[in-house]
Full PDB file with SEQRES, HELIX, SHEET, SSBOND, CRYST1, ORIGX, SCALE, CONECT and MASTER records, all heavy atoms in Angstrom:
SEQRES   1 A   38  THR GLY ALA PHE ASN LYS TRP ASP GLU MET ASN CYS THR          
SEQRES   2 A   38  ARG ILE THR HIS THR GLU CYS SER LEU PRO TRP SER LEU          
SEQRES   3 A   38  LYS GLU ARG ARG TRP THR LEU VAL LEU ARG VAL ARG              
HELIX    1 AA1 TRP A   24  LEU A   26  5                                   3    
SSBOND   1 CYS A   12    CYS A   20                          1555   1555  2.13  
CRYST1    1.000    1.000    1.000  90.00  90.00  90.00 P 1           1          
ORIGX1      1.000000  0.000000  0.000000        0.00000                         
ORIGX2      0.000000  1.000000  0.000000        0.00000                         
ORIGX3      0.000000  0.000000  1.000000        0.00000                         
SCALE1      1.000000  0.000000  0.000000        0.00000                         
SCALE2      0.000000  1.000000  0.000000        0.00000                         
SCALE3      0.000000  0.000000  1.000000        0.00000                         
ATOM      1  N   THR A   1       1.777  31.788  32.312  1.00  0.00           N  
ATOM      2  CA  THR A   1       1.207  33.077  32.698  1.00  0.00           C  
ATOM      3  C   THR A   1       2.344  34.061  32.901  1.00  0.00           C  
ATOM      4  O   THR A   1       3.507  33.679  33.051  1.00  0.00           O  
ATOM      5  CB  THR A   1       0.401  32.958  34.005  1.00  0.00           C  
ATOM      6  OG1 THR A   1       1.300  32.559  35.043  1.00  0.00           O  
ATOM      7  CG2 THR A   1      -0.721  31.941  33.871  1.00  0.00           C  
ATOM      8  N   GLY A   2       1.973  35.331  32.911  1.00  0.00           N  
ATOM      9  CA  GLY A   2       2.983  36.357  33.124  1.00  0.00           C  
ATOM     10  C   GLY A   2       3.657  36.233  34.482  1.00  0.00           C  
ATOM     11  O   GLY A   2       4.796  36.662  34.664  1.00  0.00           O  
ATOM     12  N   ALA A   3       2.962  35.623  35.428  1.00  0.00           N  
ATOM     13  CA  ALA A   3       3.508  35.544  36.785  1.00  0.00           C  
ATOM     14  C   ALA A   3       4.583  34.460  36.910  1.00  0.00           C  
ATOM     15  O   ALA A   3       5.541  34.614  37.666  1.00  0.00           O  
ATOM     16  CB  ALA A   3       2.383  35.271  37.774  1.00  0.00           C  
ATOM     17  N   PHE A   4       4.401  33.346  36.183  1.00  0.00           N  
ATOM     18  CA  PHE A   4       5.351  32.236  36.297  1.00  0.00           C  
ATOM     19  C   PHE A   4       5.917  31.933  34.919  1.00  0.00           C  
ATOM     20  O   PHE A   4       5.165  31.643  34.000  1.00  0.00           O  
ATOM     21  CB  PHE A   4       4.655  30.973  36.833  1.00  0.00           C  
ATOM     22  CG  PHE A   4       4.083  31.162  38.192  1.00  0.00           C  
ATOM     23  CD1 PHE A   4       2.734  31.415  38.347  1.00  0.00           C  
ATOM     24  CD2 PHE A   4       4.884  31.098  39.319  1.00  0.00           C  
ATOM     25  CE1 PHE A   4       2.180  31.616  39.608  1.00  0.00           C  
ATOM     26  CE2 PHE A   4       4.343  31.288  40.577  1.00  0.00           C  
ATOM     27  CZ  PHE A   4       2.996  31.550  40.726  1.00  0.00           C  
ATOM     28  N   ASN A   5       7.236  31.978  34.820  1.00  0.00           N  
ATOM     29  CA  ASN A   5       7.848  31.750  33.511  1.00  0.00           C  
ATOM     30  C   ASN A   5       8.089  30.252  33.322  1.00  0.00           C  
ATOM     31  O   ASN A   5       9.216  29.812  33.156  1.00  0.00           O  
ATOM     32  CB  ASN A   5       9.141  32.543  33.410  1.00  0.00           C  
ATOM     33  CG  ASN A   5       9.573  32.681  31.966  1.00  0.00           C  
ATOM     34  OD1 ASN A   5       8.790  32.418  31.061  1.00  0.00           O  
ATOM     35  ND2 ASN A   5      10.806  33.065  31.749  1.00  0.00           N  
ATOM     36  N   LYS A   6       7.001  29.471  33.364  1.00  0.00           N  
ATOM     37  CA  LYS A   6       7.132  28.019  33.299  1.00  0.00           C  
ATOM     38  C   LYS A   6       5.967  27.475  32.480  1.00  0.00           C  
ATOM     39  O   LYS A   6       4.815  27.857  32.696  1.00  0.00           O  
ATOM     40  CB  LYS A   6       7.091  27.489  34.733  1.00  0.00           C  
ATOM     41  CG  LYS A   6       6.748  26.036  34.920  1.00  0.00           C  
ATOM     42  CD  LYS A   6       6.785  25.714  36.416  1.00  0.00           C  
ATOM     43  CE  LYS A   6       6.116  24.387  36.745  1.00  0.00           C  
ATOM     44  NZ  LYS A   6       4.698  24.329  36.354  1.00  0.00           N  
ATOM     45  N   TRP A   7       6.287  26.608  31.515  1.00  0.00           N  
ATOM     46  CA  TRP A   7       5.241  26.060  30.643  1.00  0.00           C  
ATOM     47  C   TRP A   7       4.486  24.948  31.352  1.00  0.00           C  
ATOM     48  O   TRP A   7       5.096  24.076  31.976  1.00  0.00           O  
ATOM     49  CB  TRP A   7       5.872  25.513  29.354  1.00  0.00           C  
ATOM     50  CG  TRP A   7       6.417  26.596  28.487  1.00  0.00           C  
ATOM     51  CD1 TRP A   7       7.730  26.944  28.325  1.00  0.00           C  
ATOM     52  CD2 TRP A   7       5.667  27.490  27.660  1.00  0.00           C  
ATOM     53  NE1 TRP A   7       7.845  27.996  27.456  1.00  0.00           N  
ATOM     54  CE2 TRP A   7       6.585  28.352  27.030  1.00  0.00           C  
ATOM     55  CE3 TRP A   7       4.303  27.649  27.396  1.00  0.00           C  
ATOM     56  CZ2 TRP A   7       6.189  29.350  26.154  1.00  0.00           C  
ATOM     57  CZ3 TRP A   7       3.909  28.642  26.523  1.00  0.00           C  
ATOM     58  CH2 TRP A   7       4.844  29.483  25.910  1.00  0.00           C  
ATOM     59  N   ASP A   8       3.157  24.991  31.248  1.00  0.00           N  
ATOM     60  CA  ASP A   8       2.316  23.950  31.838  1.00  0.00           C  
ATOM     61  C   ASP A   8       1.450  23.332  30.762  1.00  0.00           C  
ATOM     62  O   ASP A   8       1.112  23.982  29.770  1.00  0.00           O  
ATOM     63  CB  ASP A   8       1.400  24.549  32.919  1.00  0.00           C  
ATOM     64  CG  ASP A   8       2.153  24.767  34.217  1.00  0.00           C  
ATOM     65  OD1 ASP A   8       2.783  23.803  34.691  1.00  0.00           O  
ATOM     66  OD2 ASP A   8       2.110  25.895  34.736  1.00  0.00           O  
ATOM     67  N   GLU A   9       1.034  22.100  31.014  1.00  0.00           N  
ATOM     68  CA  GLU A   9       0.139  21.438  30.064  1.00  0.00           C  
ATOM     69  C   GLU A   9      -1.281  21.963  30.233  1.00  0.00           C  
ATOM     70  O   GLU A   9      -1.685  22.356  31.325  1.00  0.00           O  
ATOM     71  CB  GLU A   9       0.148  19.920  30.289  1.00  0.00           C  
ATOM     72  CG  GLU A   9       1.455  19.291  29.854  1.00  0.00           C  
ATOM     73  CD  GLU A   9       1.317  17.783  29.658  1.00  0.00           C  
ATOM     74  OE1 GLU A   9       0.303  17.218  30.105  1.00  0.00           O  
ATOM     75  OE2 GLU A   9       2.223  17.192  29.058  1.00  0.00           O  
ATOM     76  N   MET A  10      -2.003  21.950  29.117  1.00  0.00           N  
ATOM     77  CA  MET A  10      -3.405  22.312  29.152  1.00  0.00           C  
ATOM     78  C   MET A  10      -4.205  21.047  28.907  1.00  0.00           C  
ATOM     79  O   MET A  10      -3.677  19.952  28.916  1.00  0.00           O  
ATOM     80  CB  MET A  10      -3.691  23.370  28.087  1.00  0.00           C  
ATOM     81  CG  MET A  10      -3.779  24.724  28.737  1.00  0.00           C  
ATOM     82  SD  MET A  10      -3.791  26.113  27.643  1.00  0.00           S  
ATOM     83  CE  MET A  10      -5.044  25.801  26.494  1.00  0.00           C  
ATOM     84  N   ASN A  11      -5.506  21.224  28.642  1.00  0.00           N  
ATOM     85  CA  ASN A  11      -6.349  20.048  28.383  1.00  0.00           C  
ATOM     86  C   ASN A  11      -6.246  19.646  26.917  1.00  0.00           C  
ATOM     87  O   ASN A  11      -7.162  19.081  26.364  1.00  0.00           O  
ATOM     88  CB  ASN A  11      -7.802  20.373  28.745  1.00  0.00           C  
ATOM     89  CG  ASN A  11      -8.227  21.705  28.144  1.00  0.00           C  
ATOM     90  OD1 ASN A  11      -7.424  22.411  27.536  1.00  0.00           O  
ATOM     91  ND2 ASN A  11      -9.485  22.054  28.305  1.00  0.00           N  
ATOM     92  N   CYS A  12      -5.149  20.006  26.259  1.00  0.00           N  
ATOM     93  CA  CYS A  12      -4.988  19.720  24.829  1.00  0.00           C  
ATOM     94  C   CYS A  12      -3.609  19.114  24.599  1.00  0.00           C  
ATOM     95  O   CYS A  12      -2.670  19.797  24.178  1.00  0.00           O  
ATOM     96  CB  CYS A  12      -5.151  20.993  24.007  1.00  0.00           C  
ATOM     97  SG  CYS A  12      -6.783  21.747  24.180  1.00  0.00           S  
ATOM     98  N   THR A  13      -3.476  17.837  24.927  1.00  0.00           N  
ATOM     99  CA  THR A  13      -2.218  17.122  24.720  1.00  0.00           C  
ATOM    100  C   THR A  13      -2.470  15.994  23.724  1.00  0.00           C  
ATOM    101  O   THR A  13      -3.395  15.197  23.905  1.00  0.00           O  
ATOM    102  CB  THR A  13      -1.699  16.556  26.063  1.00  0.00           C  
ATOM    103  OG1 THR A  13      -1.475  17.651  26.958  1.00  0.00           O  
ATOM    104  CG2 THR A  13      -0.403  15.798  25.864  1.00  0.00           C  
ATOM    105  N   ARG A  14      -1.716  15.993  22.658  1.00  0.00           N  
ATOM    106  CA  ARG A  14      -1.841  14.982  21.603  1.00  0.00           C  
ATOM    107  C   ARG A  14      -3.279  14.903  21.089  1.00  0.00           C  
ATOM    108  O   ARG A  14      -3.889  13.832  21.074  1.00  0.00           O  
ATOM    109  CB  ARG A  14      -1.334  13.622  22.092  1.00  0.00           C  
ATOM    110  CG  ARG A  14       0.131  13.662  22.522  1.00  0.00           C  
ATOM    111  CD  ARG A  14       0.658  12.299  22.972  1.00  0.00           C  
ATOM    112  NE  ARG A  14       0.729  11.342  21.873  1.00  0.00           N  
ATOM    113  CZ  ARG A  14       1.696  11.313  20.952  1.00  0.00           C  
ATOM    114  NH1 ARG A  14       2.657  12.202  20.975  1.00  0.00           N  
ATOM    115  NH2 ARG A  14       1.683  10.407  19.987  1.00  0.00           N  
ATOM    116  N   ILE A  15      -3.789  16.048  20.671  1.00  0.00           N  
ATOM    117  CA  ILE A  15      -5.150  16.098  20.125  1.00  0.00           C  
ATOM    118  C   ILE A  15      -5.072  16.077  18.599  1.00  0.00           C  
ATOM    119  O   ILE A  15      -4.053  16.423  18.013  1.00  0.00           O  
ATOM    120  CB  ILE A  15      -5.905  17.362  20.602  1.00  0.00           C  
ATOM    121  CG1 ILE A  15      -5.154  18.638  20.186  1.00  0.00           C  
ATOM    122  CG2 ILE A  15      -6.134  17.330  22.106  1.00  0.00           C  
ATOM    123  CD1 ILE A  15      -5.912  19.923  20.447  1.00  0.00           C  
ATOM    124  N   THR A  16      -6.179  15.678  17.955  1.00  0.00           N  
ATOM    125  CA  THR A  16      -6.181  15.607  16.493  1.00  0.00           C  
ATOM    126  C   THR A  16      -6.703  16.891  15.850  1.00  0.00           C  
ATOM    127  O   THR A  16      -6.347  17.199  14.723  1.00  0.00           O  
ATOM    128  CB  THR A  16      -7.072  14.443  16.008  1.00  0.00           C  
ATOM    129  OG1 THR A  16      -8.364  14.596  16.607  1.00  0.00           O  
ATOM    130  CG2 THR A  16      -6.484  13.111  16.401  1.00  0.00           C  
ATOM    131  N   HIS A  17      -7.558  17.640  16.557  1.00  0.00           N  
ATOM    132  CA  HIS A  17      -8.133  18.819  15.897  1.00  0.00           C  
ATOM    133  C   HIS A  17      -7.233  20.038  16.090  1.00  0.00           C  
ATOM    134  O   HIS A  17      -6.304  20.023  16.894  1.00  0.00           O  
ATOM    135  CB  HIS A  17      -9.570  19.094  16.359  1.00  0.00           C  
ATOM    136  CG  HIS A  17      -9.784  18.883  17.816  1.00  0.00           C  
ATOM    137  ND1 HIS A  17     -10.035  17.654  18.364  1.00  0.00           N  
ATOM    138  CD2 HIS A  17      -9.761  19.759  18.844  1.00  0.00           C  
ATOM    139  CE1 HIS A  17     -10.173  17.771  19.677  1.00  0.00           C  
ATOM    140  NE2 HIS A  17     -10.005  19.028  19.985  1.00  0.00           N  
ATOM    141  N   THR A  18      -7.521  21.095  15.338  1.00  0.00           N  
ATOM    142  CA  THR A  18      -6.615  22.247  15.269  1.00  0.00           C  
ATOM    143  C   THR A  18      -7.147  23.434  16.051  1.00  0.00           C  
ATOM    144  O   THR A  18      -7.020  24.586  15.640  1.00  0.00           O  
ATOM    145  CB  THR A  18      -6.385  22.654  13.798  1.00  0.00           C  
ATOM    146  OG1 THR A  18      -7.661  22.904  13.205  1.00  0.00           O  
ATOM    147  CG2 THR A  18      -5.700  21.553  13.021  1.00  0.00           C  
ATOM    148  N   GLU A  19      -7.780  23.138  17.181  1.00  0.00           N  
ATOM    149  CA  GLU A  19      -8.130  24.220  18.088  1.00  0.00           C  
ATOM    150  C   GLU A  19      -8.205  23.700  19.505  1.00  0.00           C  
ATOM    151  O   GLU A  19      -8.378  22.490  19.736  1.00  0.00           O  
ATOM    152  CB  GLU A  19      -9.431  24.917  17.694  1.00  0.00           C  
ATOM    153  CG  GLU A  19     -10.672  24.091  17.809  1.00  0.00           C  
ATOM    154  CD  GLU A  19     -11.909  24.976  17.591  1.00  0.00           C  
ATOM    155  OE1 GLU A  19     -11.995  25.616  16.538  1.00  0.00           O  
ATOM    156  OE2 GLU A  19     -12.763  25.010  18.488  1.00  0.00           O  
ATOM    157  N   CYS A  20      -8.036  24.631  20.440  1.00  0.00           N  
ATOM    158  CA  CYS A  20      -8.008  24.265  21.853  1.00  0.00           C  
ATOM    159  C   CYS A  20      -8.642  25.404  22.637  1.00  0.00           C  
ATOM    160  O   CYS A  20      -8.197  26.543  22.547  1.00  0.00           O  
ATOM    161  CB  CYS A  20      -6.548  24.074  22.282  1.00  0.00           C  
ATOM    162  SG  CYS A  20      -6.332  23.824  24.046  1.00  0.00           S  
ATOM    163  N   SER A  21      -9.721  25.089  23.371  1.00  0.00           N  
ATOM    164  CA  SER A  21     -10.372  26.121  24.191  1.00  0.00           C  
ATOM    165  C   SER A  21      -9.587  26.336  25.467  1.00  0.00           C  
ATOM    166  O   SER A  21      -9.126  25.370  26.088  1.00  0.00           O  
ATOM    167  CB  SER A  21     -11.792  25.689  24.556  1.00  0.00           C  
ATOM    168  OG  SER A  21     -12.580  25.624  23.396  1.00  0.00           O  
ATOM    169  N   LEU A  22      -9.482  27.591  25.882  1.00  0.00           N  
ATOM    170  CA  LEU A  22      -8.802  27.869  27.147  1.00  0.00           C  
ATOM    171  C   LEU A  22      -9.678  27.377  28.291  1.00  0.00           C  
ATOM    172  O   LEU A  22     -10.872  27.668  28.330  1.00  0.00           O  
ATOM    173  CB  LEU A  22      -8.541  29.366  27.302  1.00  0.00           C  
ATOM    174  CG  LEU A  22      -7.221  29.859  26.719  1.00  0.00           C  
ATOM    175  CD1 LEU A  22      -7.170  29.647  25.232  1.00  0.00           C  
ATOM    176  CD2 LEU A  22      -6.987  31.307  27.067  1.00  0.00           C  
ATOM    177  N   PRO A  23      -9.114  26.637  29.230  1.00  0.00           N  
ATOM    178  CA  PRO A  23      -9.921  26.088  30.332  1.00  0.00           C  
ATOM    179  C   PRO A  23     -10.329  27.178  31.317  1.00  0.00           C  
ATOM    180  O   PRO A  23      -9.750  28.261  31.340  1.00  0.00           O  
ATOM    181  CB  PRO A  23      -8.970  25.092  30.993  1.00  0.00           C  
ATOM    182  CG  PRO A  23      -7.611  25.623  30.705  1.00  0.00           C  
ATOM    183  CD  PRO A  23      -7.690  26.271  29.356  1.00  0.00           C  
ATOM    184  N   TRP A  24     -11.327  26.863  32.123  1.00  0.00           N  
ATOM    185  CA  TRP A  24     -11.821  27.844  33.097  1.00  0.00           C  
ATOM    186  C   TRP A  24     -10.751  28.219  34.115  1.00  0.00           C  
ATOM    187  O   TRP A  24     -10.800  29.291  34.694  1.00  0.00           O  
ATOM    188  CB  TRP A  24     -13.062  27.305  33.806  1.00  0.00           C  
ATOM    189  CG  TRP A  24     -14.263  27.467  32.947  1.00  0.00           C  
ATOM    190  CD1 TRP A  24     -14.981  26.479  32.335  1.00  0.00           C  
ATOM    191  CD2 TRP A  24     -14.849  28.691  32.533  1.00  0.00           C  
ATOM    192  NE1 TRP A  24     -15.981  27.030  31.569  1.00  0.00           N  
ATOM    193  CE2 TRP A  24     -15.922  28.385  31.673  1.00  0.00           C  
ATOM    194  CE3 TRP A  24     -14.570  30.037  32.790  1.00  0.00           C  
ATOM    195  CZ2 TRP A  24     -16.721  29.355  31.077  1.00  0.00           C  
ATOM    196  CZ3 TRP A  24     -15.366  31.003  32.194  1.00  0.00           C  
ATOM    197  CH2 TRP A  24     -16.422  30.661  31.355  1.00  0.00           C  
ATOM    198  N   SER A  25      -9.785  27.335  34.327  1.00  0.00           N  
ATOM    199  CA  SER A  25      -8.736  27.677  35.296  1.00  0.00           C  
ATOM    200  C   SER A  25      -7.923  28.879  34.826  1.00  0.00           C  
ATOM    201  O   SER A  25      -7.227  29.504  35.613  1.00  0.00           O  
ATOM    202  CB  SER A  25      -7.819  26.473  35.509  1.00  0.00           C  
ATOM    203  OG  SER A  25      -7.267  26.067  34.261  1.00  0.00           O  
ATOM    204  N   LEU A  26      -8.017  29.202  33.527  1.00  0.00           N  
ATOM    205  CA  LEU A  26      -7.281  30.359  32.995  1.00  0.00           C  
ATOM    206  C   LEU A  26      -8.211  31.518  32.676  1.00  0.00           C  
ATOM    207  O   LEU A  26      -7.923  32.330  31.820  1.00  0.00           O  
ATOM    208  CB  LEU A  26      -6.540  29.953  31.715  1.00  0.00           C  
ATOM    209  CG  LEU A  26      -5.490  28.867  31.883  1.00  0.00           C  
ATOM    210  CD1 LEU A  26      -4.810  28.585  30.560  1.00  0.00           C  
ATOM    211  CD2 LEU A  26      -4.457  29.280  32.923  1.00  0.00           C  
ATOM    212  N   LYS A  27      -9.338  31.601  33.402  1.00  0.00           N  
ATOM    213  CA  LYS A  27     -10.313  32.612  33.003  1.00  0.00           C  
ATOM    214  C   LYS A  27     -10.077  33.969  33.651  1.00  0.00           C  
ATOM    215  O   LYS A  27     -10.827  34.891  33.421  1.00  0.00           O  
ATOM    216  CB  LYS A  27     -11.728  32.123  33.275  1.00  0.00           C  
ATOM    217  CG  LYS A  27     -12.142  32.163  34.736  1.00  0.00           C  
ATOM    218  CD  LYS A  27     -13.575  31.682  34.858  1.00  0.00           C  
ATOM    219  CE  LYS A  27     -14.218  31.896  36.195  1.00  0.00           C  
ATOM    220  NZ  LYS A  27     -13.389  32.040  37.359  1.00  0.00           N  
ATOM    221  N   GLU A  28      -9.035  34.107  34.464  1.00  0.00           N  
ATOM    222  CA  GLU A  28      -8.726  35.422  35.039  1.00  0.00           C  
ATOM    223  C   GLU A  28      -8.555  36.417  33.911  1.00  0.00           C  
ATOM    224  O   GLU A  28      -7.669  36.260  33.078  1.00  0.00           O  
ATOM    225  CB  GLU A  28      -7.409  35.356  35.823  1.00  0.00           C  
ATOM    226  CG  GLU A  28      -7.496  35.272  37.321  1.00  0.00           C  
ATOM    227  CD  GLU A  28      -8.532  36.157  37.978  1.00  0.00           C  
ATOM    228  OE1 GLU A  28      -8.659  37.342  37.612  1.00  0.00           O  
ATOM    229  OE2 GLU A  28      -9.219  35.671  38.874  1.00  0.00           O  
ATOM    230  N   ARG A  29      -9.388  37.443  33.895  1.00  0.00           N  
ATOM    231  CA  ARG A  29      -9.405  38.330  32.736  1.00  0.00           C  
ATOM    232  C   ARG A  29      -8.203  39.265  32.689  1.00  0.00           C  
ATOM    233  O   ARG A  29      -7.940  39.881  31.672  1.00  0.00           O  
ATOM    234  CB  ARG A  29     -10.701  39.132  32.739  1.00  0.00           C  
ATOM    235  CG  ARG A  29     -11.901  38.225  32.516  1.00  0.00           C  
ATOM    236  CD  ARG A  29     -13.204  38.954  32.665  1.00  0.00           C  
ATOM    237  NE  ARG A  29     -14.320  38.037  32.436  1.00  0.00           N  
ATOM    238  CZ  ARG A  29     -15.590  38.385  32.549  1.00  0.00           C  
ATOM    239  NH1 ARG A  29     -15.904  39.612  32.914  1.00  0.00           N  
ATOM    240  NH2 ARG A  29     -16.544  37.517  32.318  1.00  0.00           N  
ATOM    241  N   ARG A  30      -7.496  39.401  33.804  1.00  0.00           N  
ATOM    242  CA  ARG A  30      -6.347  40.319  33.819  1.00  0.00           C  
ATOM    243  C   ARG A  30      -5.025  39.605  33.618  1.00  0.00           C  
ATOM    244  O   ARG A  30      -4.008  40.248  33.493  1.00  0.00           O  
ATOM    245  CB  ARG A  30      -6.288  41.042  35.156  1.00  0.00           C  
ATOM    246  CG  ARG A  30      -7.436  41.980  35.237  1.00  0.00           C  
ATOM    247  CD  ARG A  30      -7.276  43.135  36.152  1.00  0.00           C  
ATOM    248  NE  ARG A  30      -8.501  43.909  35.968  1.00  0.00           N  
ATOM    249  CZ  ARG A  30      -9.014  44.702  36.871  1.00  0.00           C  
ATOM    250  NH1 ARG A  30      -8.422  44.866  38.009  1.00  0.00           N  
ATOM    251  NH2 ARG A  30     -10.112  45.346  36.599  1.00  0.00           N  
ATOM    252  N   TRP A  31      -5.015  38.291  33.648  1.00  0.00           N  
ATOM    253  CA  TRP A  31      -3.761  37.564  33.502  1.00  0.00           C  
ATOM    254  C   TRP A  31      -3.191  37.751  32.100  1.00  0.00           C  
ATOM    255  O   TRP A  31      -3.919  37.797  31.117  1.00  0.00           O  
ATOM    256  CB  TRP A  31      -3.983  36.066  33.713  1.00  0.00           C  
ATOM    257  CG  TRP A  31      -4.129  35.680  35.143  1.00  0.00           C  
ATOM    258  CD1 TRP A  31      -4.159  36.508  36.234  1.00  0.00           C  
ATOM    259  CD2 TRP A  31      -4.289  34.343  35.640  1.00  0.00           C  
ATOM    260  NE1 TRP A  31      -4.342  35.757  37.370  1.00  0.00           N  
ATOM    261  CE2 TRP A  31      -4.418  34.441  37.038  1.00  0.00           C  
ATOM    262  CE3 TRP A  31      -4.341  33.093  35.035  1.00  0.00           C  
ATOM    263  CZ2 TRP A  31      -4.576  33.317  37.851  1.00  0.00           C  
ATOM    264  CZ3 TRP A  31      -4.509  31.972  35.841  1.00  0.00           C  
ATOM    265  CH2 TRP A  31      -4.626  32.087  37.230  1.00  0.00           C  
ATOM    266  N   THR A  32      -1.877  37.805  32.038  1.00  0.00           N  
ATOM    267  CA  THR A  32      -1.192  37.743  30.750  1.00  0.00           C  
ATOM    268  C   THR A  32      -0.868  36.275  30.481  1.00  0.00           C  
ATOM    269  O   THR A  32      -0.225  35.619  31.310  1.00  0.00           O  
ATOM    270  CB  THR A  32       0.106  38.561  30.781  1.00  0.00           C  
ATOM    271  OG1 THR A  32      -0.225  39.918  31.087  1.00  0.00           O  
ATOM    272  CG2 THR A  32       0.808  38.512  29.446  1.00  0.00           C  
ATOM    273  N   LEU A  33      -1.330  35.769  29.358  1.00  0.00           N  
ATOM    274  CA  LEU A  33      -1.087  34.373  28.979  1.00  0.00           C  
ATOM    275  C   LEU A  33      -0.287  34.321  27.694  1.00  0.00           C  
ATOM    276  O   LEU A  33      -0.489  35.136  26.799  1.00  0.00           O  
ATOM    277  CB  LEU A  33      -2.405  33.636  28.721  1.00  0.00           C  
ATOM    278  CG  LEU A  33      -3.367  33.424  29.880  1.00  0.00           C  
ATOM    279  CD1 LEU A  33      -4.640  32.764  29.367  1.00  0.00           C  
ATOM    280  CD2 LEU A  33      -2.725  32.543  30.936  1.00  0.00           C  
ATOM    281  N   VAL A  34       0.601  33.340  27.612  1.00  0.00           N  
ATOM    282  CA  VAL A  34       1.225  32.999  26.333  1.00  0.00           C  
ATOM    283  C   VAL A  34       0.952  31.517  26.112  1.00  0.00           C  
ATOM    284  O   VAL A  34       1.104  30.703  27.037  1.00  0.00           O  
ATOM    285  CB  VAL A  34       2.746  33.265  26.349  1.00  0.00           C  
ATOM    286  CG1 VAL A  34       3.376  32.849  25.025  1.00  0.00           C  
ATOM    287  CG2 VAL A  34       3.020  34.741  26.624  1.00  0.00           C  
ATOM    288  N   LEU A  35       0.498  31.158  24.910  1.00  0.00           N  
ATOM    289  CA  LEU A  35       0.262  29.756  24.572  1.00  0.00           C  
ATOM    290  C   LEU A  35       1.287  29.333  23.526  1.00  0.00           C  
ATOM    291  O   LEU A  35       1.839  30.160  22.804  1.00  0.00           O  
ATOM    292  CB  LEU A  35      -1.145  29.554  24.009  1.00  0.00           C  
ATOM    293  CG  LEU A  35      -2.319  30.017  24.866  1.00  0.00           C  
ATOM    294  CD1 LEU A  35      -3.630  29.617  24.221  1.00  0.00           C  
ATOM    295  CD2 LEU A  35      -2.238  29.451  26.264  1.00  0.00           C  
ATOM    296  N   ARG A  36       1.530  28.040  23.455  1.00  0.00           N  
ATOM    297  CA  ARG A  36       2.382  27.526  22.387  1.00  0.00           C  
ATOM    298  C   ARG A  36       1.820  26.187  21.926  1.00  0.00           C  
ATOM    299  O   ARG A  36       1.171  25.475  22.705  1.00  0.00           O  
ATOM    300  CB  ARG A  36       3.836  27.393  22.843  1.00  0.00           C  
ATOM    301  CG  ARG A  36       4.086  26.343  23.895  1.00  0.00           C  
ATOM    302  CD  ARG A  36       5.559  26.258  24.259  1.00  0.00           C  
ATOM    303  NE  ARG A  36       5.803  25.130  25.175  1.00  0.00           N  
ATOM    304  CZ  ARG A  36       7.009  24.803  25.626  1.00  0.00           C  
ATOM    305  NH1 ARG A  36       8.072  25.510  25.282  1.00  0.00           N  
ATOM    306  NH2 ARG A  36       7.150  23.766  26.435  1.00  0.00           N  
ATOM    307  N   VAL A  37       2.059  25.855  20.669  1.00  0.00           N  
ATOM    308  CA  VAL A  37       1.555  24.601  20.104  1.00  0.00           C  
ATOM    309  C   VAL A  37       2.650  23.990  19.245  1.00  0.00           C  
ATOM    310  O   VAL A  37       3.453  24.707  18.640  1.00  0.00           O  
ATOM    311  CB  VAL A  37       0.256  24.851  19.285  1.00  0.00           C  
ATOM    312  CG1 VAL A  37       0.497  25.814  18.132  1.00  0.00           C  
ATOM    313  CG2 VAL A  37      -0.335  23.543  18.757  1.00  0.00           C  
ATOM    314  N   ARG A  38       2.686  22.662  19.224  1.00  0.00           N  
ATOM    315  CA  ARG A  38       3.607  21.979  18.313  1.00  0.00           C  
ATOM    316  C   ARG A  38       2.886  20.787  17.696  1.00  0.00           C  
ATOM    317  O   ARG A  38       1.867  20.313  18.222  1.00  0.00           O  
ATOM    318  CB  ARG A  38       4.876  21.527  19.031  1.00  0.00           C  
ATOM    319  CG  ARG A  38       4.680  20.339  19.936  1.00  0.00           C  
ATOM    320  CD  ARG A  38       5.992  19.891  20.570  1.00  0.00           C  
ATOM    321  NE  ARG A  38       5.784  18.726  21.419  1.00  0.00           N  
ATOM    322  CZ  ARG A  38       6.714  18.232  22.232  1.00  0.00           C  
ATOM    323  NH1 ARG A  38       7.898  18.809  22.316  1.00  0.00           N  
ATOM    324  NH2 ARG A  38       6.444  17.155  22.961  1.00  0.00           N  
TER     325      ARG A  38                                                      
CONECT   97  162                                                                
CONECT  162   97                                                                
MASTER        0    0    0    1    0    0    0    6  324    1    2    3          
END                                                                             
């Protein structure tokens, strides 16, 4: 998030499909989010 410059795991670790829904814990509509995938 924009508030903490630290990467956290989401509910998508070692998944086979090519999409990941943002969890409700990240539903704050004003937050700045950056996601990354590998």
